[in-house]
Amino acid sequence: MPKRQPDLRLRDAALLFAALGDETRLRLLRQLAEVGPASISALAHNFRVSRQAVTKHLQFLALASIIHGKRAGREHLWTLNPARLAQAQRSLEIITRGWDDALGRLKAHLEVELE
């Protein structure tokens, strides 16, 4: 049996949800959503972790294309990528539809069994 090539869309979705699966990263995203573009210093101010730790979380979010960073003078400003978050929402909607379909089939099967 030939080895299956991994689905690039699944790999991309896995990276996206791995990035979203951390409380600190979710708090950083919420902060960016509330205040808009912000520097590492401004973002790190509200966390009990080091600035270096915040930087690593921001880099992981950037690797997953959830945020973008750019230089503004001496600072590095981070902004949300709404299109990437919309991809996460679409992925969850597909998963939800799959579960709804599976539950509907289970319900129909059980109703036939009980008749």
PDB file of N, CA and C in Angstrom:
ATOM      1  N   MET A   1       0.847  -1.176   0.000  1.00  0.00           N
ATOM      2  CA  MET A   1       0.000   0.000   0.000  1.00  0.00           C
ATOM      3  C   MET A   1       0.895   1.243   0.000  1.00  0.00           C
ATOM      4  N   PRO A   2       0.686   2.179  -0.939  1.00  0.00           N
ATOM      5  CA  PRO A   2       1.538   3.368  -0.998  1.00  0.00           C
ATOM      6  C   PRO A   2       1.286   4.272   0.206  1.00  0.00           C
ATOM      7  N   LYS A   3       2.344   4.952   0.603  1.00  0.00           N
ATOM      8  CA  LYS A   3       2.234   5.877   1.736  1.00  0.00           C
ATOM      9  C   LYS A   3       1.418   7.094   1.310  1.00  0.00           C
ATOM     10  N   ARG A   4       0.444   7.462   2.160  1.00  0.00           N
ATOM     11  CA  ARG A   4      -0.412   8.621   1.860  1.00  0.00           C
ATOM     12  C   ARG A   4       0.310   9.919   2.161  1.00  0.00           C
ATOM     13  N   GLN A   5       0.190  10.855   1.257  1.00  0.00           N
ATOM     14  CA  GLN A   5       0.742  12.180   1.485  1.00  0.00           C
ATOM     15  C   GLN A   5      -0.207  12.956   2.403  1.00  0.00           C
ATOM     16  N   PRO A   6       0.343  13.663   3.386  1.00  0.00           N
ATOM     17  CA  PRO A   6      -0.535  14.415   4.282  1.00  0.00           C
ATOM     18  C   PRO A   6      -1.262  15.522   3.524  1.00  0.00           C
ATOM     19  N   ASP A   7      -2.486  15.734   3.894  1.00  0.00           N
ATOM     20  CA  ASP A   7      -3.294  16.787   3.295  1.00  0.00           C
ATOM     21  C   ASP A   7      -2.773  18.130   3.817  1.00  0.00           C
ATOM     22  N   LEU A   8      -2.314  18.978   2.894  1.00  0.00           N
ATOM     23  CA  LEU A   8      -1.752  20.265   3.306  1.00  0.00           C
ATOM     24  C   LEU A   8      -2.770  21.137   4.020  1.00  0.00           C
ATOM     25  N   ARG A   9      -4.035  21.009   3.639  1.00  0.00           N
ATOM     26  CA  ARG A   9      -5.064  21.806   4.324  1.00  0.00           C
ATOM     27  C   ARG A   9      -5.218  21.367   5.768  1.00  0.00           C
ATOM     28  N   LEU A  10      -5.122  20.057   6.004  1.00  0.00           N
ATOM     29  CA  LEU A  10      -5.208  19.564   7.378  1.00  0.00           C
ATOM     30  C   LEU A  10      -4.000  20.003   8.190  1.00  0.00           C
ATOM     31  N   ARG A  11      -2.833  19.958   7.583  1.00  0.00           N
ATOM     32  CA  ARG A  11      -1.620  20.405   8.273  1.00  0.00           C
ATOM     33  C   ARG A  11      -1.735  21.891   8.621  1.00  0.00           C
ATOM     34  N   ASP A  12      -2.249  22.679   7.697  1.00  0.00           N
ATOM     35  CA  ASP A  12      -2.429  24.110   7.917  1.00  0.00           C
ATOM     36  C   ASP A  12      -3.445  24.359   9.043  1.00  0.00           C
ATOM     37  N   ALA A  13      -4.545  23.610   9.023  1.00  0.00           N
ATOM     38  CA  ALA A  13      -5.560  23.753  10.072  1.00  0.00           C
ATOM     39  C   ALA A  13      -4.999  23.327  11.423  1.00  0.00           C
ATOM     40  N   ALA A  14      -4.174  22.286  11.437  1.00  0.00           N
ATOM     41  CA  ALA A  14      -3.570  21.830  12.690  1.00  0.00           C
ATOM     42  C   ALA A  14      -2.669  22.917  13.277  1.00  0.00           C
ATOM     43  N   LEU A  15      -1.889  23.576  12.435  1.00  0.00           N
ATOM     44  CA  LEU A  15      -1.038  24.676  12.899  1.00  0.00           C
ATOM     45  C   LEU A  15      -1.883  25.823  13.445  1.00  0.00           C
ATOM     46  N   LEU A  16      -2.947  26.149  12.725  1.00  0.00           N
ATOM     47  CA  LEU A  16      -3.840  27.224  13.151  1.00  0.00           C
ATOM     48  C   LEU A  16      -4.442  26.936  14.524  1.00  0.00           C
ATOM     49  N   PHE A  17      -4.981  25.733  14.708  1.00  0.00           N
ATOM     50  CA  PHE A  17      -5.631  25.416  15.983  1.00  0.00           C
ATOM     51  C   PHE A  17      -4.621  25.177  17.100  1.00  0.00           C
ATOM     52  N   ALA A  18      -3.425  24.740  16.759  1.00  0.00           N
ATOM     53  CA  ALA A  18      -2.371  24.631  17.786  1.00  0.00           C
ATOM     54  C   ALA A  18      -2.028  26.026  18.316  1.00  0.00           C
ATOM     55  N   ALA A  19      -1.963  26.991  17.405  1.00  0.00           N
ATOM     56  CA  ALA A  19      -1.668  28.364  17.829  1.00  0.00           C
ATOM     57  C   ALA A  19      -2.791  28.933  18.686  1.00  0.00           C
ATOM     58  N   LEU A  20      -4.018  28.565  18.377  1.00  0.00           N
ATOM     59  CA  LEU A  20      -5.162  29.066  19.144  1.00  0.00           C
ATOM     60  C   LEU A  20      -5.390  28.275  20.430  1.00  0.00           C
ATOM     61  N   GLY A  21      -4.674  27.185  20.615  1.00  0.00           N
ATOM     62  CA  GLY A  21      -4.913  26.298  21.745  1.00  0.00           C
ATOM     63  C   GLY A  21      -4.113  26.631  22.989  1.00  0.00           C
ATOM     64  N   ASP A  22      -3.748  27.871  23.161  1.00  0.00           N
ATOM     65  CA  ASP A  22      -2.964  28.276  24.327  1.00  0.00           C
ATOM     66  C   ASP A  22      -3.596  29.525  24.942  1.00  0.00           C
ATOM     67  N   GLU A  23      -3.780  29.511  26.247  1.00  0.00           N
ATOM     68  CA  GLU A  23      -4.446  30.629  26.940  1.00  0.00           C
ATOM     69  C   GLU A  23      -3.694  31.948  26.754  1.00  0.00           C
ATOM     70  N   THR A  24      -2.378  31.918  26.857  1.00  0.00           N
ATOM     71  CA  THR A  24      -1.606  33.154  26.704  1.00  0.00           C
ATOM     72  C   THR A  24      -1.778  33.728  25.304  1.00  0.00           C
ATOM     73  N   ARG A  25      -1.712  32.862  24.291  1.00  0.00           N
ATOM     74  CA  ARG A  25      -1.882  33.352  22.919  1.00  0.00           C
ATOM     75  C   ARG A  25      -3.288  33.885  22.682  1.00  0.00           C
ATOM     76  N   LEU A  26      -4.291  33.244  23.269  1.00  0.00           N
ATOM     77  CA  LEU A  26      -5.663  33.760  23.137  1.00  0.00           C
ATOM     78  C   LEU A  26      -5.800  35.120  23.810  1.00  0.00           C
ATOM     79  N   ARG A  27      -5.152  35.295  24.954  1.00  0.00           N
ATOM     80  CA  ARG A  27      -5.196  36.598  25.631  1.00  0.00           C
ATOM     81  C   ARG A  27      -4.495  37.670  24.791  1.00  0.00           C
ATOM     82  N   LEU A  28      -3.390  37.303  24.141  1.00  0.00           N
ATOM     83  CA  LEU A  28      -2.703  38.250  23.259  1.00  0.00           C
ATOM     84  C   LEU A  28      -3.602  38.642  22.089  1.00  0.00           C
ATOM     85  N   LEU A  29      -4.290  37.663  21.523  1.00  0.00           N
ATOM     86  CA  LEU A  29      -5.201  37.964  20.409  1.00  0.00           C
ATOM     87  C   LEU A  29      -6.342  38.860  20.855  1.00  0.00           C
ATOM     88  N   ARG A  30      -6.888  38.578  22.034  1.00  0.00           N
ATOM     89  CA  ARG A  30      -7.971  39.429  22.548  1.00  0.00           C
ATOM     90  C   ARG A  30      -7.478  40.858  22.735  1.00  0.00           C
ATOM     91  N   GLN A  31      -6.268  40.992  23.266  1.00  0.00           N
ATOM     92  CA  GLN A  31      -5.703  42.323  23.470  1.00  0.00           C
ATOM     93  C   GLN A  31      -5.519  43.049  22.139  1.00  0.00           C
ATOM     94  N   LEU A  32      -4.999  42.353  21.132  1.00  0.00           N
ATOM     95  CA  LEU A  32      -4.842  42.976  19.812  1.00  0.00           C
ATOM     96  C   LEU A  32      -6.188  43.348  19.212  1.00  0.00           C
ATOM     97  N   ALA A  33      -7.206  42.523  19.437  1.00  0.00           N
ATOM     98  CA  ALA A  33      -8.539  42.817  18.911  1.00  0.00           C
ATOM     99  C   ALA A  33      -9.127  44.061  19.588  1.00  0.00           C
ATOM    100  N   GLU A  34      -8.837  44.219  20.855  1.00  0.00           N
ATOM    101  CA  GLU A  34      -9.408  45.342  21.605  1.00  0.00           C
ATOM    102  C   GLU A  34      -8.676  46.662  21.350  1.00  0.00           C
ATOM    103  N   VAL A  35      -7.337  46.632  21.262  1.00  0.00           N
ATOM    104  CA  VAL A  35      -6.572  47.878  21.165  1.00  0.00           C
ATOM    105  C   VAL A  35      -5.992  48.140  19.787  1.00  0.00           C
ATOM    106  N   GLY A  36      -6.017  47.139  18.914  1.00  0.00           N
ATOM    107  CA  GLY A  36      -5.428  47.309  17.597  1.00  0.00           C
ATOM    108  C   GLY A  36      -3.940  47.027  17.634  1.00  0.00           C
ATOM    109  N   PRO A  37      -3.213  47.458  16.599  1.00  0.00           N
ATOM    110  CA  PRO A  37      -1.782  47.167  16.532  1.00  0.00           C
ATOM    111  C   PRO A  37      -1.064  47.588  17.820  1.00  0.00           C
ATOM    112  N   ALA A  38      -0.159  46.724  18.271  1.00  0.00           N
ATOM    113  CA  ALA A  38       0.552  47.004  19.513  1.00  0.00           C
ATOM    114  C   ALA A  38       1.964  46.441  19.452  1.00  0.00           C
ATOM    115  N   SER A  39       2.844  47.067  20.216  1.00  0.00           N
ATOM    116  CA  SER A  39       4.227  46.616  20.310  1.00  0.00           C
ATOM    117  C   SER A  39       4.338  45.483  21.321  1.00  0.00           C
ATOM    118  N   ILE A  40       5.470  44.812  21.279  1.00  0.00           N
ATOM    119  CA  ILE A  40       5.727  43.747  22.241  1.00  0.00           C
ATOM    120  C   ILE A  40       5.690  44.306  23.658  1.00  0.00           C
ATOM    121  N   SER A  41       6.269  45.476  23.852  1.00  0.00           N
ATOM    122  CA  SER A  41       6.274  46.087  25.188  1.00  0.00           C
ATOM    123  C   SER A  41       4.868  46.324  25.686  1.00  0.00           C
ATOM    124  N   ALA A  42       4.019  46.867  24.840  1.00  0.00           N
ATOM    125  CA  ALA A  42       2.630  47.144  25.253  1.00  0.00           C
ATOM    126  C   ALA A  42       1.887  45.844  25.538  1.00  0.00           C
ATOM    127  N   LEU A  43       2.116  44.831  24.725  1.00  0.00           N
ATOM    128  CA  LEU A  43       1.432  43.560  24.926  1.00  0.00           C
ATOM    129  C   LEU A  43       1.944  42.839  26.175  1.00  0.00           C
ATOM    130  N   ALA A  44       3.238  42.869  26.401  1.00  0.00           N
ATOM    131  CA  ALA A  44       3.836  42.157  27.533  1.00  0.00           C
ATOM    132  C   ALA A  44       3.473  42.786  28.867  1.00  0.00           C
ATOM    133  N   HIS A  45       3.086  44.039  28.847  1.00  0.00           N
ATOM    134  CA  HIS A  45       2.770  44.772  30.091  1.00  0.00           C
ATOM    135  C   HIS A  45       1.692  44.071  30.919  1.00  0.00           C
ATOM    136  N   ASN A  46       0.741  43.428  30.280  1.00  0.00           N
ATOM    137  CA  ASN A  46      -0.387  42.799  30.974  1.00  0.00           C
ATOM    138  C   ASN A  46      -0.171  41.327  31.316  1.00  0.00           C
ATOM    139  N   PHE A  47       1.039  40.828  31.165  1.00  0.00           N
ATOM    140  CA  PHE A  47       1.298  39.410  31.392  1.00  0.00           C
ATOM    141  C   PHE A  47       2.329  39.224  32.499  1.00  0.00           C
ATOM    142  N   ARG A  48       2.208  38.103  33.187  1.00  0.00           N
ATOM    143  CA  ARG A  48       3.149  37.780  34.256  1.00  0.00           C
ATOM    144  C   ARG A  48       4.311  36.930  33.753  1.00  0.00           C
ATOM    145  N   VAL A  49       4.452  36.851  32.452  1.00  0.00           N
ATOM    146  CA  VAL A  49       5.573  36.123  31.865  1.00  0.00           C
ATOM    147  C   VAL A  49       6.551  37.149  31.303  1.00  0.00           C
ATOM    148  N   SER A  50       7.750  36.702  30.991  1.00  0.00           N
ATOM    149  CA  SER A  50       8.776  37.611  30.483  1.00  0.00           C
ATOM    150  C   SER A  50       8.411  38.138  29.100  1.00  0.00           C
ATOM    151  N   ARG A  51       9.041  39.220  28.759  1.00  0.00           N
ATOM    152  CA  ARG A  51       8.846  39.782  27.420  1.00  0.00           C
ATOM    153  C   ARG A  51       9.309  38.784  26.368  1.00  0.00           C
ATOM    154  N   GLN A  52      10.361  38.052  26.683  1.00  0.00           N
ATOM    155  CA  GLN A  52      10.868  37.032  25.765  1.00  0.00           C
ATOM    156  C   GLN A  52       9.814  35.943  25.538  1.00  0.00           C
ATOM    157  N   ALA A  53       9.102  35.540  26.596  1.00  0.00           N
ATOM    158  CA  ALA A  53       8.044  34.533  26.455  1.00  0.00           C
ATOM    159  C   ALA A  53       6.909  35.066  25.591  1.00  0.00           C
ATOM    160  N   VAL A  54       6.544  36.319  25.801  1.00  0.00           N
ATOM    161  CA  VAL A  54       5.493  36.933  24.974  1.00  0.00           C
ATOM    162  C   VAL A  54       5.946  36.967  23.521  1.00  0.00           C
ATOM    163  N   THR A  55       7.203  37.296  23.290  1.00  0.00           N
ATOM    164  CA  THR A  55       7.741  37.327  21.926  1.00  0.00           C
ATOM    165  C   THR A  55       7.625  35.959  21.266  1.00  0.00           C
ATOM    166  N   LYS A  56       7.936  34.903  21.995  1.00  0.00           N
ATOM    167  CA  LYS A  56       7.834  33.552  21.433  1.00  0.00           C
ATOM    168  C   LYS A  56       6.386  33.213  21.088  1.00  0.00           C
ATOM    169  N   HIS A  57       5.435  33.615  21.932  1.00  0.00           N
ATOM    170  CA  HIS A  57       4.022  33.381  21.622  1.00  0.00           C
ATOM    171  C   HIS A  57       3.615  34.167  20.371  1.00  0.00           C
ATOM    172  N   LEU A  58       4.072  35.402  20.268  1.00  0.00           N
ATOM    173  CA  LEU A  58       3.749  36.212  19.091  1.00  0.00           C
ATOM    174  C   LEU A  58       4.348  35.589  17.828  1.00  0.00           C
ATOM    175  N   GLN A  59       5.544  35.072  17.925  1.00  0.00           N
ATOM    176  CA  GLN A  59       6.178  34.432  16.768  1.00  0.00           C
ATOM    177  C   GLN A  59       5.412  33.183  16.337  1.00  0.00           C
ATOM    178  N   PHE A  60       4.899  32.434  17.306  1.00  0.00           N
ATOM    179  CA  PHE A  60       4.111  31.249  16.956  1.00  0.00           C
ATOM    180  C   PHE A  60       2.808  31.654  16.273  1.00  0.00           C
ATOM    181  N   LEU A  61       2.157  32.707  16.778  1.00  0.00           N
ATOM    182  CA  LEU A  61       0.945  33.218  16.136  1.00  0.00           C
ATOM    183  C   LEU A  61       1.250  33.708  14.724  1.00  0.00           C
ATOM    184  N   ALA A  62       2.410  34.320  14.540  1.00  0.00           N
ATOM    185  CA  ALA A  62       2.805  34.797  13.214  1.00  0.00           C
ATOM    186  C   ALA A  62       3.097  33.623  12.284  1.00  0.00           C
ATOM    187  N   LEU A  63       3.728  32.571  12.797  1.00  0.00           N
ATOM    188  CA  LEU A  63       3.990  31.369  12.001  1.00  0.00           C
ATOM    189  C   LEU A  63       2.689  30.777  11.474  1.00  0.00           C
ATOM    190  N   ALA A  64       1.642  30.851  12.278  1.00  0.00           N
ATOM    191  CA  ALA A  64       0.326  30.350  11.875  1.00  0.00           C
ATOM    192  C   ALA A  64      -0.455  31.391  11.067  1.00  0.00           C
ATOM    193  N   SER A  65       0.165  32.532  10.783  1.00  0.00           N
ATOM    194  CA  SER A  65      -0.431  33.636  10.001  1.00  0.00           C
ATOM    195  C   SER A  65      -1.666  34.248  10.653  1.00  0.00           C
ATOM    196  N   ILE A  66      -1.774  34.137  11.967  1.00  0.00           N
ATOM    197  CA  ILE A  66      -2.908  34.728  12.677  1.00  0.00           C
ATOM    198  C   ILE A  66      -2.645  36.204  12.929  1.00  0.00           C
ATOM    199  N   ILE A  67      -1.377  36.564  13.059  1.00  0.00           N
ATOM    200  CA  ILE A  67      -0.984  37.961  13.217  1.00  0.00           C
ATOM    201  C   ILE A  67       0.157  38.263  12.258  1.00  0.00           C
ATOM    202  N   HIS A  68       0.377  39.550  12.041  1.00  0.00           N
ATOM    203  CA  HIS A  68       1.488  40.011  11.221  1.00  0.00           C
ATOM    204  C   HIS A  68       2.284  41.023  12.036  1.00  0.00           C
ATOM    205  N   GLY A  69       3.572  40.994  11.862  1.00  0.00           N
ATOM    206  CA  GLY A  69       4.426  41.973  12.518  1.00  0.00           C
ATOM    207  C   GLY A  69       5.131  42.830  11.497  1.00  0.00           C
ATOM    208  N   LYS A  70       5.368  44.085  11.879  1.00  0.00           N
ATOM    209  CA  LYS A  70       6.136  44.970  10.992  1.00  0.00           C
ATOM    210  C   LYS A  70       6.879  45.987  11.846  1.00  0.00           C
ATOM    211  N   ARG A  71       7.975  46.437  11.329  1.00  0.00           N
ATOM    212  CA  ARG A  71       8.782  47.435  12.009  1.00  0.00           C
ATOM    213  C   ARG A  71       8.136  48.805  11.857  1.00  0.00           C
ATOM    214  N   ALA A  72       8.148  49.544  12.961  1.00  0.00           N
ATOM    215  CA  ALA A  72       7.693  50.943  12.961  1.00  0.00           C
ATOM    216  C   ALA A  72       8.716  51.709  13.795  1.00  0.00           C
ATOM    217  N   GLY A  73       9.761  52.174  13.132  1.00  0.00           N
ATOM    218  CA  GLY A  73      10.854  52.813  13.859  1.00  0.00           C
ATOM    219  C   GLY A  73      11.613  51.764  14.644  1.00  0.00           C
ATOM    220  N   ARG A  74      11.751  51.974  15.935  1.00  0.00           N
ATOM    221  CA  ARG A  74      12.472  51.028  16.789  1.00  0.00           C
ATOM    222  C   ARG A  74      11.585  49.901  17.286  1.00  0.00           C
ATOM    223  N   GLU A  75      10.295  50.032  17.089  1.00  0.00           N
ATOM    224  CA  GLU A  75       9.356  49.038  17.618  1.00  0.00           C
ATOM    225  C   GLU A  75       8.916  48.057  16.534  1.00  0.00           C
ATOM    226  N   HIS A  76       8.446  46.949  17.008  1.00  0.00           N
ATOM    227  CA  HIS A  76       7.842  45.932  16.150  1.00  0.00           C
ATOM    228  C   HIS A  76       6.362  45.897  16.507  1.00  0.00           C
ATOM    229  N   LEU A  77       5.495  46.271  15.573  1.00  0.00           N
ATOM    230  CA  LEU A  77       4.055  46.299  15.838  1.00  0.00           C
ATOM    231  C   LEU A  77       3.395  45.039  15.298  1.00  0.00           C
ATOM    232  N   TRP A  78       2.475  44.514  16.083  1.00  0.00           N
ATOM    233  CA  TRP A  78       1.749  43.302  15.714  1.00  0.00           C
ATOM    234  C   TRP A  78       0.290  43.641  15.465  1.00  0.00           C
ATOM    235  N   THR A  79      -0.278  43.046  14.412  1.00  0.00           N
ATOM    236  CA  THR A  79      -1.690  43.246  14.076  1.00  0.00           C
ATOM    237  C   THR A  79      -2.341  41.901  13.776  1.00  0.00           C
ATOM    238  N   LEU A  80      -3.649  41.863  13.988  1.00  0.00           N
ATOM    239  CA  LEU A  80      -4.424  40.662  13.680  1.00  0.00           C
ATOM    240  C   LEU A  80      -4.565  40.472  12.182  1.00  0.00           C
ATOM    241  N   ASN A  81      -4.723  39.232  11.774  1.00  0.00           N
ATOM    242  CA  ASN A  81      -5.039  38.887  10.390  1.00  0.00           C
ATOM    243  C   ASN A  81      -6.460  38.323  10.391  1.00  0.00           C
ATOM    244  N   PRO A  82      -7.472  39.176  10.184  1.00  0.00           N
ATOM    245  CA  PRO A  82      -8.865  38.714  10.264  1.00  0.00           C
ATOM    246  C   PRO A  82      -9.193  37.595   9.286  1.00  0.00           C
ATOM    247  N   ALA A  83      -8.545  37.570   8.136  1.00  0.00           N
ATOM    248  CA  ALA A  83      -8.829  36.517   7.144  1.00  0.00           C
ATOM    249  C   ALA A  83      -8.454  35.145   7.699  1.00  0.00           C
ATOM    250  N   ARG A  84      -7.373  35.077   8.449  1.00  0.00           N
ATOM    251  CA  ARG A  84      -6.943  33.794   9.013  1.00  0.00           C
ATOM    252  C   ARG A  84      -7.909  33.335  10.101  1.00  0.00           C
ATOM    253  N   LEU A  85      -8.405  34.278  10.888  1.00  0.00           N
ATOM    254  CA  LEU A  85      -9.391  33.922  11.909  1.00  0.00           C
ATOM    255  C   LEU A  85     -10.696  33.478  11.254  1.00  0.00           C
ATOM    256  N   ALA A  86     -11.028  34.051  10.121  1.00  0.00           N
ATOM    257  CA  ALA A  86     -12.217  33.615   9.378  1.00  0.00           C
ATOM    258  C   ALA A  86     -12.039  32.179   8.884  1.00  0.00           C
ATOM    259  N   GLN A  87     -10.807  31.804   8.510  1.00  0.00           N
ATOM    260  CA  GLN A  87     -10.536  30.415   8.112  1.00  0.00           C
ATOM    261  C   GLN A  87     -10.798  29.468   9.274  1.00  0.00           C
ATOM    262  N   ALA A  88     -10.403  29.872  10.470  1.00  0.00           N
ATOM    263  CA  ALA A  88     -10.654  29.036  11.656  1.00  0.00           C
ATOM    264  C   ALA A  88     -12.148  28.859  11.858  1.00  0.00           C
ATOM    265  N   GLN A  89     -12.898  29.934  11.688  1.00  0.00           N
ATOM    266  CA  GLN A  89     -14.346  29.861  11.851  1.00  0.00           C
ATOM    267  C   GLN A  89     -14.965  28.924  10.818  1.00  0.00           C
ATOM    268  N   ARG A  90     -14.515  29.014   9.566  1.00  0.00           N
ATOM    269  CA  ARG A  90     -15.039  28.126   8.528  1.00  0.00           C
ATOM    270  C   ARG A  90     -14.708  26.665   8.829  1.00  0.00           C
ATOM    271  N   SER A  91     -13.511  26.414   9.320  1.00  0.00           N
ATOM    272  CA  SER A  91     -13.127  25.040   9.683  1.00  0.00           C
ATOM    273  C   SER A  91     -14.032  24.498  10.775  1.00  0.00           C
ATOM    274  N   LEU A  92     -14.317  25.309  11.765  1.00  0.00           N
ATOM    275  CA  LEU A  92     -15.199  24.875  12.853  1.00  0.00           C
ATOM    276  C   LEU A  92     -16.618  24.639  12.352  1.00  0.00           C
ATOM    277  N   GLU A  93     -17.064  25.434  11.402  1.00  0.00           N
ATOM    278  CA  GLU A  93     -18.398  25.233  10.832  1.00  0.00           C
ATOM    279  C   GLU A  93     -18.475  23.908  10.085  1.00  0.00           C
ATOM    280  N   ILE A  94     -17.423  23.544   9.369  1.00  0.00           N
ATOM    281  CA  ILE A  94     -17.385  22.264   8.654  1.00  0.00           C
ATOM    282  C   ILE A  94     -17.424  21.110   9.652  1.00  0.00           C
ATOM    283  N   ILE A  95     -16.649  21.219  10.718  1.00  0.00           N
ATOM    284  CA  ILE A  95     -16.645  20.186  11.756  1.00  0.00           C
ATOM    285  C   ILE A  95     -18.016  20.077  12.404  1.00  0.00           C
ATOM    286  N   THR A  96     -18.636  21.214  12.674  1.00  0.00           N
ATOM    287  CA  THR A  96     -19.964  21.227  13.286  1.00  0.00           C
ATOM    288  C   THR A  96     -20.991  20.530  12.400  1.00  0.00           C
ATOM    289  N   ARG A  97     -20.949  20.840  11.088  1.00  0.00           N
ATOM    290  CA  ARG A  97     -21.880  20.188  10.165  1.00  0.00           C
ATOM    291  C   ARG A  97     -21.663  18.681  10.145  1.00  0.00           C
ATOM    292  N   GLY A  98     -20.409  18.260  10.193  1.00  0.00           N
ATOM    293  CA  GLY A  98     -20.112  16.827  10.216  1.00  0.00           C
ATOM    294  C   GLY A  98     -20.696  16.159  11.449  1.00  0.00           C
ATOM    295  N   TRP A  99     -20.552  16.795  12.605  1.00  0.00           N
ATOM    296  CA  TRP A  99     -21.112  16.232  13.836  1.00  0.00           C
ATOM    297  C   TRP A  99     -22.634  16.234  13.787  1.00  0.00           C
ATOM    298  N   ASP A 100     -23.219  17.319  13.270  1.00  0.00           N
ATOM    299  CA  ASP A 100     -24.678  17.377  13.151  1.00  0.00           C
ATOM    300  C   ASP A 100     -25.194  16.241  12.264  1.00  0.00           C
ATOM    301  N   ASP A 101     -24.510  15.995  11.140  1.00  0.00           N
ATOM    302  CA  ASP A 101     -24.901  14.906  10.242  1.00  0.00           C
ATOM    303  C   ASP A 101     -24.774  13.552  10.938  1.00  0.00           C
ATOM    304  N   ALA A 102     -23.659  13.349  11.639  1.00  0.00           N
ATOM    305  CA  ALA A 102     -23.443  12.070  12.331  1.00  0.00           C
ATOM    306  C   ALA A 102     -24.491  11.848  13.413  1.00  0.00           C
ATOM    307  N   LEU A 103     -24.798  12.890  14.162  1.00  0.00           N
ATOM    308  CA  LEU A 103     -25.818  12.760  15.210  1.00  0.00           C
ATOM    309  C   LEU A 103     -27.199  12.510  14.606  1.00  0.00           C
ATOM    310  N   GLY A 104     -27.482  13.128  13.472  1.00  0.00           N
ATOM    311  CA  GLY A 104     -28.751  12.891  12.787  1.00  0.00           C
ATOM    312  C   GLY A 104     -28.878  11.451  12.321  1.00  0.00           C
ATOM    313  N   ARG A 105     -27.790  10.890  11.787  1.00  0.00           N
ATOM    314  CA  ARG A 105     -27.805   9.493  11.360  1.00  0.00           C
ATOM    315  C   ARG A 105     -27.967   8.559  12.554  1.00  0.00           C
ATOM    316  N   LEU A 106     -27.305   8.869  13.658  1.00  0.00           N
ATOM    317  CA  LEU A 106     -27.434   8.055  14.868  1.00  0.00           C
ATOM    318  C   LEU A 106     -28.871   8.093  15.385  1.00  0.00           C
ATOM    319  N   LYS A 107     -29.451   9.261  15.384  1.00  0.00           N
ATOM    320  CA  LYS A 107     -30.839   9.401  15.851  1.00  0.00           C
ATOM    321  C   LYS A 107     -31.784   8.587  14.972  1.00  0.00           C
ATOM    322  N   ALA A 108     -31.607   8.693  13.650  1.00  0.00           N
ATOM    323  CA  ALA A 108     -32.458   7.937  12.731  1.00  0.00           C
ATOM    324  C   ALA A 108     -32.279   6.439  12.938  1.00  0.00           C
ATOM    325  N   HIS A 109     -31.062   6.003  13.134  1.00  0.00           N
ATOM    326  CA  HIS A 109     -30.786   4.577  13.362  1.00  0.00           C
ATOM    327  C   HIS A 109     -31.453   4.102  14.657  1.00  0.00           C
ATOM    328  N   LEU A 110     -31.327   4.883  15.709  1.00  0.00           N
ATOM    329  CA  LEU A 110     -31.926   4.489  16.995  1.00  0.00           C
ATOM    330  C   LEU A 110     -33.445   4.468  16.922  1.00  0.00           C
ATOM    331  N   GLU A 111     -34.024   5.396  16.190  1.00  0.00           N
ATOM    332  CA  GLU A 111     -35.471   5.426  16.059  1.00  0.00           C
ATOM    333  C   GLU A 111     -35.971   4.202  15.305  1.00  0.00           C
ATOM    334  N   VAL A 112     -35.224   3.753  14.284  1.00  0.00           N
ATOM    335  CA  VAL A 112     -35.597   2.542  13.549  1.00  0.00           C
ATOM    336  C   VAL A 112     -35.477   1.334  14.458  1.00  0.00           C
ATOM    337  N   GLU A 113     -34.418   1.273  15.244  1.00  0.00           N
ATOM    338  CA  GLU A 113     -34.186   0.151  16.157  1.00  0.00           C
ATOM    339  C   GLU A 113     -35.299   0.063  17.204  1.00  0.00           C
ATOM    340  N   LEU A 114     -35.838   1.189  17.639  1.00  0.00           N
ATOM    341  CA  LEU A 114     -36.847   1.200  18.690  1.00  0.00           C
ATOM    342  C   LEU A 114     -38.240   0.904  18.174  1.00  0.00           C
ATOM    343  N   GLU A 115     -38.435   0.929  16.878  1.00  0.00           N
ATOM    344  CA  GLU A 115     -39.775   0.685  16.314  1.00  0.00           C
ATOM    345  C   GLU A 115     -40.174  -0.760  16.382  1.00  0.00           C
TER     346      GLU A 115
END
